[in-house]
Amino acid sequence: MDDTQVNAQLDQMKNFILQEAQDKANEIKTKATQEFTSEKGRIFQNEKIKIIKEYEKKQKLIEVQKKINLSNELNKSRLSVLKVREECLRDVIKEAQKKLATISDDKDKYQTILKNLIYQGFVKLNENKIQVVGRKEDAGLLEKATTEAAAQYKKNVGKSIDVSVDKERFLPQGPKSDYNGPTCCGGVILSALEGRIICKNTLDSRLEICFDQLTPVIRTQLYGASTSRKFFD
């Protein structure tokens, strides 16, 4: 084999090796491209899922915050409504107190009321010795009302009572436009056993009891029946 043939064979072998190398390089490049594309797709998909989840998380937080804000606004509205309603109820009480303060103007009617309040106190305390405290301005009426109540108690219950009207201690005076101190619209406070048992039977305390009992009715009259209330007295 001469040099020409040897060189031809060498060139052929070189070309074959180069072609094999090129094919291998192309194969590696194609595989690398496929892997890159696949990895890029995987990363893109993961990031997409991550972004979607992050968005959903933020969206949920926004929705939760919206609900919280709405709930807060509703609570504020309810509190405002309740405040206005309570103010209306207080106005009702004030009007009742104004009328209550005029009861003692009719002396005959008021004396009968005093007698009944004292008699109720006798029955409630059920003691033999009782002291009565009233307003200073009612002193004259109080003596007569106490005597009549004691007589009625003896007649109805069959027991005598050792009753006295306190001449040193008095209930607060009646309400006046130019007076801002404690007031009492009338009535009495009875005590027995040296003050250990007390029956508060003032007009003001009776109004409080009536108001507590009638508050549901007053609310219904002012605002209508509650849609959430299932039971009624």
Protein backbone atom coordinates (compact mmCIF):
# COMPACT_ATOMS: atom_id res chain seq x y z
CA MET A 1 0.00 0.00 0.00
CA ASP A 2 1.57 3.24 -1.14
CA ASP A 3 1.48 6.58 0.64
CA THR A 4 -1.49 7.80 -1.39
CA GLN A 5 -3.63 4.90 -0.34
CA VAL A 6 -2.50 5.22 3.27
CA ASN A 7 -3.36 8.92 3.32
CA ALA A 8 -6.73 8.19 1.72
CA GLN A 9 -7.49 5.64 4.40
CA LEU A 10 -6.37 8.02 7.12
CA ASP A 11 -8.57 10.76 5.68
CA GLN A 12 -11.47 8.34 5.51
CA MET A 13 -10.91 7.33 9.14
CA LYS A 14 -10.59 10.99 10.18
CA ASN A 15 -13.79 11.87 8.37
CA PHE A 16 -15.56 8.93 10.00
CA ILE A 17 -14.32 9.95 13.44
CA LEU A 18 -15.29 13.58 12.82
CA GLN A 19 -18.73 12.51 11.61
CA GLU A 20 -19.17 10.29 14.65
CA ALA A 21 -18.07 13.14 16.86
CA GLN A 22 -20.44 15.51 15.07
CA ASP A 23 -23.31 13.06 15.38
CA LYS A 24 -22.51 12.54 19.04
CA ALA A 25 -22.28 16.28 19.57
CA ASN A 26 -25.62 16.77 17.82
CA GLU A 27 -27.13 14.00 19.92
CA ILE A 28 -25.79 15.57 23.11
CA LYS A 29 -26.97 19.00 21.99
CA THR A 30 -30.43 17.68 21.12
CA LYS A 31 -30.66 15.84 24.42
CA ALA A 32 -29.43 18.91 26.30
CA THR A 33 -31.97 21.06 24.47
CA GLN A 34 -34.73 18.60 25.33
CA GLU A 35 -33.63 18.45 28.96
CA PHE A 36 -33.37 22.25 29.10
CA THR A 37 -36.81 22.62 27.56
CA SER A 38 -38.21 20.03 29.96
CA GLU A 39 -36.50 21.62 32.97
CA LYS A 40 -37.58 25.07 31.83
CA GLY A 41 -41.15 23.80 31.49
CA ARG A 42 -40.98 22.18 34.93
CA ILE A 43 -39.56 25.33 36.53
CA PHE A 44 -42.11 27.48 34.71
CA GLN A 45 -44.95 25.20 35.83
CA ASN A 46 -43.68 25.17 39.43
CA GLU A 47 -43.33 28.95 39.45
CA LYS A 48 -46.75 29.26 37.86
CA ILE A 49 -48.27 27.03 40.56
CA LYS A 50 -46.35 28.97 43.21
CA ILE A 51 -47.62 32.29 41.86
CA ILE A 52 -51.19 30.96 41.65
CA LYS A 53 -51.01 29.67 45.22
CA GLU A 54 -49.52 32.97 46.40
CA TYR A 55 -52.26 34.85 44.57
CA GLU A 56 -54.95 32.59 46.04
CA LYS A 57 -53.43 33.06 49.49
CA LYS A 58 -53.41 36.84 49.09
CA GLN A 59 -56.92 36.72 47.65
CA LYS A 60 -58.11 34.74 50.67
CA LEU A 61 -56.42 37.23 52.99
CA ILE A 62 -58.14 40.06 51.13
CA GLU A 63 -61.51 38.27 51.39
CA VAL A 64 -60.94 37.59 55.09
CA GLN A 65 -60.00 41.24 55.65
CA LYS A 66 -63.08 42.33 53.71
CA LYS A 67 -65.25 40.12 55.92
CA ILE A 68 -63.54 41.47 59.04
CA ASN A 69 -64.04 45.06 57.86
CA LEU A 70 -67.67 44.34 56.97
CA SER A 71 -68.23 42.68 60.34
CA ASN A 72 -66.65 45.67 62.10
CA GLU A 73 -68.83 48.08 60.15
CA LEU A 74 -71.93 46.02 60.94
CA ASN A 75 -70.99 45.96 64.62
CA LYS A 76 -70.47 49.72 64.58
CA SER A 77 -73.86 50.14 62.92
CA ARG A 78 -75.51 47.83 65.46
CA LEU A 79 -73.85 49.70 68.33
CA SER A 80 -75.00 53.01 66.86
CA VAL A 81 -78.55 51.70 66.53
CA LEU A 82 -78.44 50.29 70.07
CA LYS A 83 -77.09 53.60 71.36
CA VAL A 84 -79.92 55.51 69.71
CA ARG A 85 -82.46 53.00 71.02
CA GLU A 86 -81.07 53.26 74.54
CA GLU A 87 -81.24 57.04 74.30
CA CYS A 88 -84.88 56.73 73.26
CA LEU A 89 -85.55 54.44 76.22
CA ARG A 90 -83.83 56.92 78.54
CA ASP A 91 -86.03 59.65 77.09
CA VAL A 92 -89.06 57.51 77.92
CA ILE A 93 -87.80 57.15 81.50
CA LYS A 94 -87.16 60.90 81.76
CA GLU A 95 -90.70 61.64 80.57
CA ALA A 96 -92.07 59.13 83.08
CA GLN A 97 -89.96 60.71 85.84
CA LYS A 98 -91.28 64.16 84.94
CA LYS A 99 -94.85 62.91 85.30
CA LEU A 100 -93.90 61.01 88.45
CA ALA A 101 -92.58 64.23 90.01
CA THR A 102 -96.04 65.82 89.68
CA ILE A 103 -97.89 63.07 91.57
CA SER A 104 -97.25 64.69 94.94
CA ASP A 105 -98.90 67.92 93.71
CA ASP A 106 -102.33 66.38 94.31
CA LYS A 107 -102.10 66.04 98.11
CA ASP A 108 -105.20 63.87 98.62
CA LYS A 109 -104.22 61.44 95.88
CA TYR A 110 -100.60 61.41 97.01
CA GLN A 111 -101.55 60.68 100.64
CA THR A 112 -103.52 57.63 99.47
CA ILE A 113 -100.47 56.50 97.48
CA LEU A 114 -98.26 56.96 100.55
CA LYS A 115 -100.65 54.93 102.68
CA ASN A 116 -100.66 52.09 100.13
CA LEU A 117 -96.86 52.12 99.81
CA ILE A 118 -96.45 52.02 103.60
CA TYR A 119 -99.02 49.22 103.92
CA GLN A 120 -97.21 47.18 101.26
CA GLY A 121 -93.99 47.68 103.23
CA PHE A 122 -95.66 46.43 106.42
CA VAL A 123 -96.81 43.28 104.63
CA LYS A 124 -93.44 42.68 103.03
CA LEU A 125 -91.38 43.21 106.19
CA ASN A 126 -93.85 41.35 108.45
CA GLU A 127 -92.20 42.76 111.60
CA ASN A 128 -93.69 44.17 114.81
CA LYS A 129 -91.51 47.29 114.96
CA ILE A 130 -90.96 49.35 111.82
CA GLN A 131 -89.51 52.77 111.06
CA VAL A 132 -90.62 54.87 108.09
CA VAL A 133 -88.43 57.42 106.28
CA GLY A 134 -89.94 59.89 103.82
CA ARG A 135 -89.25 63.28 102.30
CA LYS A 136 -89.11 66.29 104.62
CA GLU A 137 -91.72 68.05 102.50
CA ASP A 138 -94.11 65.10 103.03
CA ALA A 139 -93.88 65.17 106.85
CA GLY A 140 -97.52 66.13 107.45
CA LEU A 141 -98.95 63.69 104.91
CA LEU A 142 -96.60 60.94 106.08
CA GLU A 143 -97.85 60.94 109.67
CA LYS A 144 -101.45 60.57 108.59
CA ALA A 145 -100.65 57.98 105.90
CA THR A 146 -98.63 55.91 108.40
CA THR A 147 -101.45 55.92 110.94
CA GLU A 148 -103.98 54.87 108.29
CA ALA A 149 -101.68 52.14 106.96
CA ALA A 150 -101.14 50.74 110.47
CA ALA A 151 -104.89 50.67 111.06
CA GLN A 152 -105.48 48.91 107.74
CA TYR A 153 -102.74 46.39 108.53
CA LYS A 154 -104.28 45.60 111.92
CA LYS A 155 -107.69 45.19 110.30
CA ASN A 156 -106.51 42.96 107.46
CA VAL A 157 -103.72 41.00 109.16
CA GLY A 158 -104.90 41.11 112.76
CA LYS A 159 -101.59 42.40 114.18
CA SER A 160 -100.59 45.74 115.65
CA ILE A 161 -97.38 47.44 114.55
CA ASP A 162 -95.11 49.69 116.56
CA VAL A 163 -94.39 52.14 113.74
CA SER A 164 -92.60 55.48 113.85
CA VAL A 165 -91.78 58.14 111.29
CA ASP A 166 -88.12 59.19 111.34
CA LYS A 167 -87.83 62.89 112.25
CA GLU A 168 -84.07 63.16 111.72
CA ARG A 169 -83.40 61.33 108.46
CA PHE A 170 -85.20 62.17 105.23
CA LEU A 171 -85.29 61.10 101.61
CA PRO A 172 -83.95 63.60 99.04
CA GLN A 173 -86.23 66.43 98.01
CA GLY A 174 -88.45 66.40 94.95
CA PRO A 175 -86.99 67.29 91.53
CA LYS A 176 -86.66 71.00 90.72
CA SER A 177 -85.38 72.74 87.60
CA ASP A 178 -82.81 74.76 89.56
CA TYR A 179 -81.55 71.80 91.65
CA ASN A 180 -78.97 69.27 90.42
CA GLY A 181 -78.49 67.18 93.56
CA PRO A 182 -80.06 63.81 94.43
CA THR A 183 -83.85 63.81 94.19
CA CYS A 184 -86.80 61.62 95.10
CA CYS A 185 -90.25 61.89 93.52
CA GLY A 186 -91.89 60.60 96.69
CA GLY A 187 -92.72 57.43 98.56
CA VAL A 188 -91.02 55.85 101.57
CA ILE A 189 -88.28 53.54 102.79
CA LEU A 190 -89.23 51.20 105.64
CA SER A 191 -86.78 49.40 107.91
CA ALA A 192 -86.92 46.89 110.76
CA LEU A 193 -84.53 45.19 113.16
CA GLU A 194 -82.49 48.39 113.55
CA GLY A 195 -82.05 48.81 109.82
CA ARG A 196 -80.98 45.24 109.06
CA ILE A 197 -84.12 44.70 106.95
CA ILE A 198 -85.09 47.39 104.46
CA CYS A 199 -88.00 47.80 102.08
CA LYS A 200 -87.42 50.52 99.49
CA ASN A 201 -90.85 51.64 98.35
CA THR A 202 -90.21 55.04 96.79
CA LEU A 203 -91.95 56.14 93.61
CA ASP A 204 -88.56 56.16 91.88
CA SER A 205 -87.80 52.55 92.85
CA ARG A 206 -91.27 51.48 91.73
CA LEU A 207 -90.69 53.19 88.39
CA GLU A 208 -87.39 51.31 88.00
CA ILE A 209 -89.15 48.00 88.69
CA CYS A 210 -91.92 48.82 86.22
CA PHE A 211 -89.41 49.92 83.60
CA ASP A 212 -87.36 46.72 83.98
CA GLN A 213 -90.50 44.62 83.61
CA LEU A 214 -91.89 46.63 80.70
CA THR A 215 -88.66 47.22 78.76
CA PRO A 216 -89.41 44.40 76.24
CA VAL A 217 -92.90 45.82 75.68
CA ILE A 218 -91.55 49.36 75.32
CA ARG A 219 -88.92 48.17 72.84
CA THR A 220 -91.64 46.45 70.80
CA GLN A 221 -93.78 49.59 70.86
CA LEU A 222 -90.86 51.75 69.72
CA TYR A 223 -89.10 49.46 67.24
CA GLY A 224 -91.45 46.57 66.50
CA ALA A 225 -91.10 42.90 67.38
CA SER A 226 -87.59 41.42 67.21
CA THR A 227 -87.19 39.03 64.27
CA SER A 228 -84.60 37.00 66.21
CA ARG A 229 -86.74 36.54 69.31
CA LYS A 230 -88.37 33.09 69.51
CA PHE A 231 -90.06 33.24 72.89
CA PHE A 232 -92.29 35.86 74.43
CA ASP A 233 -93.50 36.23 78.00
